[in-house]
C-alpha atoms as a PDB file:
ATOM      1  CA  UNK A   1     -49.999 -18.837 -38.894  1.00  0.00           C
ATOM      2  CA  UNK A   2     -52.210 -17.033 -41.356  1.00  0.00           C
ATOM      3  CA  UNK A   3     -54.842 -14.763 -39.842  1.00  0.00           C
ATOM      4  CA  UNK A   4     -57.476 -16.252 -42.140  1.00  0.00           C
ATOM      5  CA  UNK A   5     -56.845 -19.657 -40.550  1.00  0.00           C
ATOM      6  CA  UNK A   6     -56.890 -18.384 -36.978  1.00  0.00           C
ATOM      7  CA  UNK A   7     -60.272 -16.629 -36.981  1.00  0.00           C
ATOM      8  CA  UNK A   8     -63.213 -18.823 -36.037  1.00  0.00           C
ATOM      9  CA  UNK A   9     -66.820 -18.009 -35.259  1.00  0.00           C
ATOM     10  CA  UNK A  10     -68.381 -18.800 -31.913  1.00  0.00           C
ATOM     11  CA  UNK A  11     -70.681 -21.270 -33.638  1.00  0.00           C
ATOM     12  CA  UNK A  12     -67.600 -23.088 -34.995  1.00  0.00           C
ATOM     13  CA  UNK A  13     -66.189 -23.168 -31.472  1.00  0.00           C
ATOM     14  CA  UNK A  14     -69.432 -24.591 -30.078  1.00  0.00           C
ATOM     15  CA  UNK A  15     -69.604 -27.304 -32.740  1.00  0.00           C
ATOM     16  CA  UNK A  16     -65.885 -28.185 -32.726  1.00  0.00           C
ATOM     17  CA  UNK A  17     -64.620 -27.352 -29.235  1.00  0.00           C
ATOM     18  CA  UNK A  18     -62.704 -30.601 -28.691  1.00  0.00           C
ATOM     19  CA  UNK A  19     -60.932 -30.518 -32.058  1.00  0.00           C
ATOM     20  CA  UNK A  20     -60.151 -26.800 -31.730  1.00  0.00           C
ATOM     21  CA  UNK A  21     -58.605 -27.369 -28.304  1.00  0.00           C
ATOM     22  CA  UNK A  22     -56.646 -30.348 -29.608  1.00  0.00           C
ATOM     23  CA  UNK A  23     -55.295 -28.323 -32.539  1.00  0.00           C
ATOM     24  CA  UNK A  24     -54.516 -25.399 -30.229  1.00  0.00           C
ATOM     25  CA  UNK A  25     -52.474 -27.601 -27.898  1.00  0.00           C
ATOM     26  CA  UNK A  26     -50.845 -29.772 -30.541  1.00  0.00           C
ATOM     27  CA  UNK A  27     -49.583 -26.880 -32.674  1.00  0.00           C
ATOM     28  CA  UNK A  28     -49.429 -24.191 -29.946  1.00  0.00           C
ATOM     29  CA  UNK A  29     -51.836 -22.030 -31.918  1.00  0.00           C
ATOM     30  CA  UNK A  30     -53.901 -19.021 -30.983  1.00  0.00           C
ATOM     31  CA  UNK A  31     -57.420 -18.549 -32.327  1.00  0.00           C
ATOM     32  CA  UNK A  32     -59.537 -15.412 -32.469  1.00  0.00           C
ATOM     33  CA  UNK A  33     -63.187 -16.199 -31.743  1.00  0.00           C
ATOM     34  CA  UNK A  34     -65.768 -13.900 -33.275  1.00  0.00           C
ATOM     35  CA  UNK A  35     -69.363 -13.205 -32.328  1.00  0.00           C
ATOM     36  CA  UNK A  36     -71.597 -11.438 -34.828  1.00  0.00           C
ATOM     37  CA  UNK A  37     -68.523 -10.812 -36.984  1.00  0.00           C
ATOM     38  CA  UNK A  38     -66.609  -9.022 -34.232  1.00  0.00           C
ATOM     39  CA  UNK A  39     -63.521 -10.390 -32.463  1.00  0.00           C
ATOM     40  CA  UNK A  40     -64.454 -11.184 -28.851  1.00  0.00           C
ATOM     41  CA  UNK A  41     -61.999 -13.634 -27.265  1.00  0.00           C
ATOM     42  CA  UNK A  42     -58.758 -15.502 -27.816  1.00  0.00           C
ATOM     43  CA  UNK A  43     -58.314 -19.265 -27.427  1.00  0.00           C
ATOM     44  CA  UNK A  44     -54.647 -19.905 -26.808  1.00  0.00           C
ATOM     45  CA  UNK A  45     -52.401 -22.795 -25.859  1.00  0.00           C
ATOM     46  CA  UNK A  46     -51.533 -22.545 -22.156  1.00  0.00           C
ATOM     47  CA  UNK A  47     -47.782 -22.821 -22.825  1.00  0.00           C
ATOM     48  CA  UNK A  48     -47.929 -19.904 -25.252  1.00  0.00           C
ATOM     49  CA  UNK A  49     -49.961 -17.906 -22.728  1.00  0.00           C
ATOM     50  CA  UNK A  50     -47.483 -18.617 -19.915  1.00  0.00           C
ATOM     51  CA  UNK A  51     -44.544 -17.656 -22.122  1.00  0.00           C
ATOM     52  CA  UNK A  52     -46.301 -14.398 -23.035  1.00  0.00           C
ATOM     53  CA  UNK A  53     -46.954 -13.625 -19.368  1.00  0.00           C
ATOM     54  CA  UNK A  54     -43.320 -14.312 -18.461  1.00  0.00           C
ATOM     55  CA  UNK A  55     -42.164 -12.039 -21.275  1.00  0.00           C
ATOM     56  CA  UNK A  56     -44.481  -9.254 -20.100  1.00  0.00           C
ATOM     57  CA  UNK A  57     -43.218  -9.651 -16.526  1.00  0.00           C
ATOM     58  CA  UNK A  58     -39.613  -9.347 -17.695  1.00  0.00           C
ATOM     59  CA  UNK A  59     -40.450  -6.256 -19.750  1.00  0.00           C
ATOM     60  CA  UNK A  60     -42.141  -4.728 -16.722  1.00  0.00           C
ATOM     61  CA  UNK A  61     -39.056  -5.430 -14.606  1.00  0.00           C
ATOM     62  CA  UNK A  62     -36.840  -3.832 -17.241  1.00  0.00           C
ATOM     63  CA  UNK A  63     -39.059  -0.759 -17.309  1.00  0.00           C
ATOM     64  CA  UNK A  64     -38.963  -0.562 -13.512  1.00  0.00           C
ATOM     65  CA  UNK A  65     -35.167  -0.868 -13.576  1.00  0.00           C
ATOM     66  CA  UNK A  66     -34.972   2.068 -15.948  1.00  0.00           C
ATOM     67  CA  UNK A  67     -37.231   4.150 -13.702  1.00  0.00           C
ATOM     68  CA  UNK A  68     -35.278   3.232 -10.564  1.00  0.00           C
ATOM     69  CA  UNK A  69     -31.895   3.996 -12.083  1.00  0.00           C
ATOM     70  CA  UNK A  70     -33.171   7.434 -13.167  1.00  0.00           C
ATOM     71  CA  UNK A  71     -34.243   8.193  -9.611  1.00  0.00           C
ATOM     72  CA  UNK A  72     -30.615   7.889  -8.376  1.00  0.00           C
ATOM     73  CA  UNK A  73     -30.975   4.515  -6.624  1.00  0.00           C
ATOM     74  CA  UNK A  74     -27.789   2.526  -6.462  1.00  0.00           C
ATOM     75  CA  UNK A  75     -27.284  -0.529  -8.667  1.00  0.00           C
ATOM     76  CA  UNK A  76     -27.218  -2.838  -5.638  1.00  0.00           C
ATOM     77  CA  UNK A  77     -30.556  -1.484  -4.418  1.00  0.00           C
ATOM     78  CA  UNK A  78     -32.068  -1.838  -7.875  1.00  0.00           C
ATOM     79  CA  UNK A  79     -31.037  -5.479  -8.222  1.00  0.00           C
ATOM     80  CA  UNK A  80     -32.129  -6.289  -4.666  1.00  0.00           C
ATOM     81  CA  UNK A  81     -35.516  -4.799  -5.467  1.00  0.00           C
ATOM     82  CA  UNK A  82     -35.705  -6.790  -8.714  1.00  0.00           C
ATOM     83  CA  UNK A  83     -34.902 -10.004  -6.849  1.00  0.00           C
ATOM     84  CA  UNK A  84     -37.737  -9.286  -4.436  1.00  0.00           C
ATOM     85  CA  UNK A  85     -40.097  -8.549  -7.329  1.00  0.00           C
ATOM     86  CA  UNK A  86     -39.141 -11.823  -9.004  1.00  0.00           C
ATOM     87  CA  UNK A  87     -39.809 -13.751  -5.785  1.00  0.00           C
ATOM     88  CA  UNK A  88     -43.336 -12.311  -5.601  1.00  0.00           C
ATOM     89  CA  UNK A  89     -44.014 -13.301  -9.235  1.00  0.00           C
ATOM     90  CA  UNK A  90     -43.230 -16.962  -8.580  1.00  0.00           C
END
């Protein structure tokens, strides 16, 4: 999506909230909402948000795995710890 199409003012959001939400969900878009010409918030499809959060969680687990393997923990301990971390994320 072009950035020029994804930036909307807060007044646009107020006047067109229902259609903006519909477009966001239908096309899984993300919009940047501005106030006084400055970016303030993001309006994002919930599925896109959830996918982003899952990706960040996996990246965090990978980073933790790298840290744990450097600290001389065994592979079995590392994976057991990761399984426990995954259970707490669910």
